Amino acid sequence: MTEFLLQNTHGSHFYMKTPSGHDIHVDASPENLGYDSAPRPMEYLIAGLGGCTGIDAVTILNKMRVNYDSFNLRLQTERSEEHPKKYTKIHVIYEFKGKDLPMDKLERAAQLSQEKYCGATATFRGSVDITYEVKVVE
């Protein structure tokens, strides 16, 4: 079992040293006793999902020997209006730039991440409607 310790530093600001040795700060808006000094917890959830599937895609495409000029992820989200204000929809857009990119391999990398490898996506699956698409911008 891995333990994560968040220390309340002041107001709604928390600090954590991750098990991998990195610093994370979480804060809220002033109306929630925060100082607006760090990302919100729900933003970290989406960043975690994006990072997870992005790292998968990069790793898979590297193994497929696919080269591209750049790769970005866009995550479009919807949340419920009532508490708990959970995510109800997440749409992931894998956006690649480059010439003559093999669309079949780009789509396969996204599919493998979404359906097999990304633990963050698997954690959300069943409670959030997650969709994705692959785009090439030349």
Protein backbone atom coordinates (compact mmCIF):
# COMPACT_ATOMS: atom_id res chain seq x y z
CA MET A 1 0.00 0.00 0.00
CA THR A 2 1.27 3.47 -0.91
CA GLU A 3 0.53 6.32 1.46
CA PHE A 4 0.07 9.95 0.42
CA LEU A 5 0.28 12.63 3.14
CA LEU A 6 -1.16 16.07 2.47
CA GLN A 7 -0.19 18.71 5.01
CA ASN A 8 -2.51 21.64 5.61
CA THR A 9 -0.21 24.66 5.55
CA HIS A 10 -2.82 27.43 5.96
CA GLY A 11 -6.44 28.03 5.00
CA SER A 12 -7.35 25.56 2.26
CA HIS A 13 -3.78 25.21 0.99
CA PHE A 14 -2.22 21.75 1.19
CA TYR A 15 1.29 20.52 0.40
CA MET A 16 2.42 17.00 -0.47
CA LYS A 17 5.72 15.35 -1.26
CA THR A 18 4.73 12.56 -3.65
CA PRO A 19 6.08 9.02 -3.27
CA SER A 20 8.25 9.76 -6.35
CA GLY A 21 9.78 12.74 -4.50
CA HIS A 22 8.00 15.67 -6.17
CA ASP A 23 6.28 18.63 -4.55
CA ILE A 24 2.58 19.26 -5.11
CA HIS A 25 0.52 22.15 -3.82
CA VAL A 26 -3.28 22.23 -3.85
CA ASP A 27 -5.36 25.29 -3.05
CA ALA A 28 -8.86 26.71 -3.34
CA SER A 29 -10.37 30.04 -4.26
CA PRO A 30 -10.61 32.77 -1.61
CA GLU A 31 -14.34 32.11 -1.15
CA ASN A 32 -13.35 28.59 -0.02
CA LEU A 33 -10.67 29.81 2.42
CA GLY A 34 -7.95 29.45 -0.19
CA TYR A 35 -5.28 31.78 -1.51
CA ASP A 36 -5.55 30.85 -5.20
CA SER A 37 -1.89 29.84 -5.02
CA ALA A 38 -2.08 26.41 -6.66
CA PRO A 39 -4.28 24.25 -8.90
CA ARG A 40 -7.57 22.92 -7.61
CA PRO A 41 -7.90 19.22 -6.75
CA MET A 42 -10.29 18.56 -9.65
CA GLU A 43 -7.79 20.14 -12.08
CA TYR A 44 -5.18 17.65 -10.88
CA LEU A 45 -7.56 14.79 -11.68
CA ILE A 46 -7.80 15.90 -15.30
CA ALA A 47 -4.05 16.61 -15.51
CA GLY A 48 -3.42 13.12 -14.16
CA LEU A 49 -5.67 11.53 -16.74
CA GLY A 50 -4.10 13.58 -19.54
CA GLY A 51 -0.58 12.83 -18.40
CA CYS A 52 -1.34 9.12 -18.06
CA THR A 53 -2.79 8.68 -21.52
CA GLY A 54 -0.24 11.06 -23.07
CA ILE A 55 2.70 9.11 -21.67
CA ASP A 56 1.10 5.89 -22.92
CA ALA A 57 0.69 7.32 -26.42
CA VAL A 58 4.28 8.60 -26.57
CA THR A 59 5.63 5.25 -25.38
CA ILE A 60 3.49 3.20 -27.77
CA LEU A 61 4.29 5.42 -30.77
CA ASN A 62 7.99 5.26 -29.95
CA LYS A 63 7.79 1.45 -30.04
CA MET A 64 5.97 1.71 -33.38
CA ARG A 65 8.75 4.04 -34.61
CA VAL A 66 6.29 6.81 -35.42
CA ASN A 67 7.84 10.27 -35.56
CA TYR A 68 5.80 13.46 -35.30
CA ASP A 69 6.64 17.14 -34.99
CA SER A 70 4.50 17.79 -31.91
CA PHE A 71 1.83 16.16 -29.79
CA ASN A 72 -0.72 17.85 -27.54
CA LEU A 73 -3.71 16.65 -25.60
CA ARG A 74 -6.90 18.65 -25.23
CA LEU A 75 -9.28 17.51 -22.51
CA GLN A 76 -12.80 18.87 -22.69
CA THR A 77 -14.83 18.28 -19.55
CA GLU A 78 -18.32 18.66 -18.14
CA ARG A 79 -19.22 18.57 -14.44
CA SER A 80 -22.49 18.16 -12.61
CA GLU A 81 -24.13 21.33 -11.28
CA GLU A 82 -24.99 19.88 -7.87
CA HIS A 83 -22.69 18.59 -5.15
CA PRO A 84 -20.67 16.55 -5.44
CA LYS A 85 -19.67 18.44 -8.59
CA LYS A 86 -18.15 15.39 -10.26
CA TYR A 87 -16.99 15.04 -13.82
CA THR A 88 -19.75 13.62 -16.01
CA LYS A 89 -18.02 13.79 -19.41
CA ILE A 90 -14.39 13.86 -20.50
CA HIS A 91 -13.42 14.08 -24.16
CA VAL A 92 -9.74 13.53 -24.94
CA ILE A 93 -8.33 14.89 -28.19
CA TYR A 94 -4.93 13.54 -29.24
CA GLU A 95 -3.56 16.27 -31.51
CA PHE A 96 -0.50 15.56 -33.63
CA LYS A 97 1.41 17.77 -36.02
CA GLY A 98 3.55 16.41 -38.79
CA LYS A 99 3.57 15.33 -42.39
CA ASP A 100 2.46 11.95 -43.70
CA LEU A 101 1.62 10.63 -40.23
CA PRO A 102 0.22 7.06 -40.14
CA MET A 103 -3.31 7.69 -38.85
CA ASP A 104 -3.87 3.99 -38.20
CA LYS A 105 -0.93 3.89 -35.77
CA LEU A 106 -1.92 7.13 -34.06
CA GLU A 107 -5.43 5.78 -33.54
CA ARG A 108 -4.10 2.43 -32.33
CA ALA A 109 -1.88 4.14 -29.76
CA ALA A 110 -4.84 6.16 -28.44
CA GLN A 111 -7.04 3.06 -28.37
CA LEU A 112 -4.45 0.98 -26.49
CA SER A 113 -4.02 3.71 -23.92
CA GLN A 114 -7.76 4.21 -23.45
CA GLU A 115 -8.72 0.54 -23.37
CA LYS A 116 -5.71 -1.24 -21.89
CA TYR A 117 -2.93 0.80 -20.31
CA CYS A 118 -4.06 4.09 -18.73
CA GLY A 119 -4.85 3.50 -15.07
CA ALA A 120 -6.40 6.95 -14.72
CA THR A 121 -8.87 6.27 -17.54
CA ALA A 122 -9.68 2.89 -16.01
CA THR A 123 -10.30 4.57 -12.66
CA PHE A 124 -12.84 6.97 -14.21
CA ARG A 125 -14.45 4.33 -16.45
CA GLY A 126 -17.93 3.34 -15.36
CA SER A 127 -18.64 6.63 -13.58
CA VAL A 128 -17.69 9.15 -16.28
CA ASP A 129 -18.49 9.16 -19.99
CA ILE A 130 -15.00 9.19 -21.57
CA THR A 131 -14.61 9.61 -25.32
CA TYR A 132 -11.59 10.36 -27.48
CA GLU A 133 -10.49 11.25 -30.97
CA VAL A 134 -7.24 11.63 -32.88
CA LYS A 135 -6.51 14.69 -35.02
CA VAL A 136 -3.61 15.47 -37.32
CA VAL A 137 -2.77 19.10 -37.99
CA GLU A 138 -0.28 19.58 -40.82
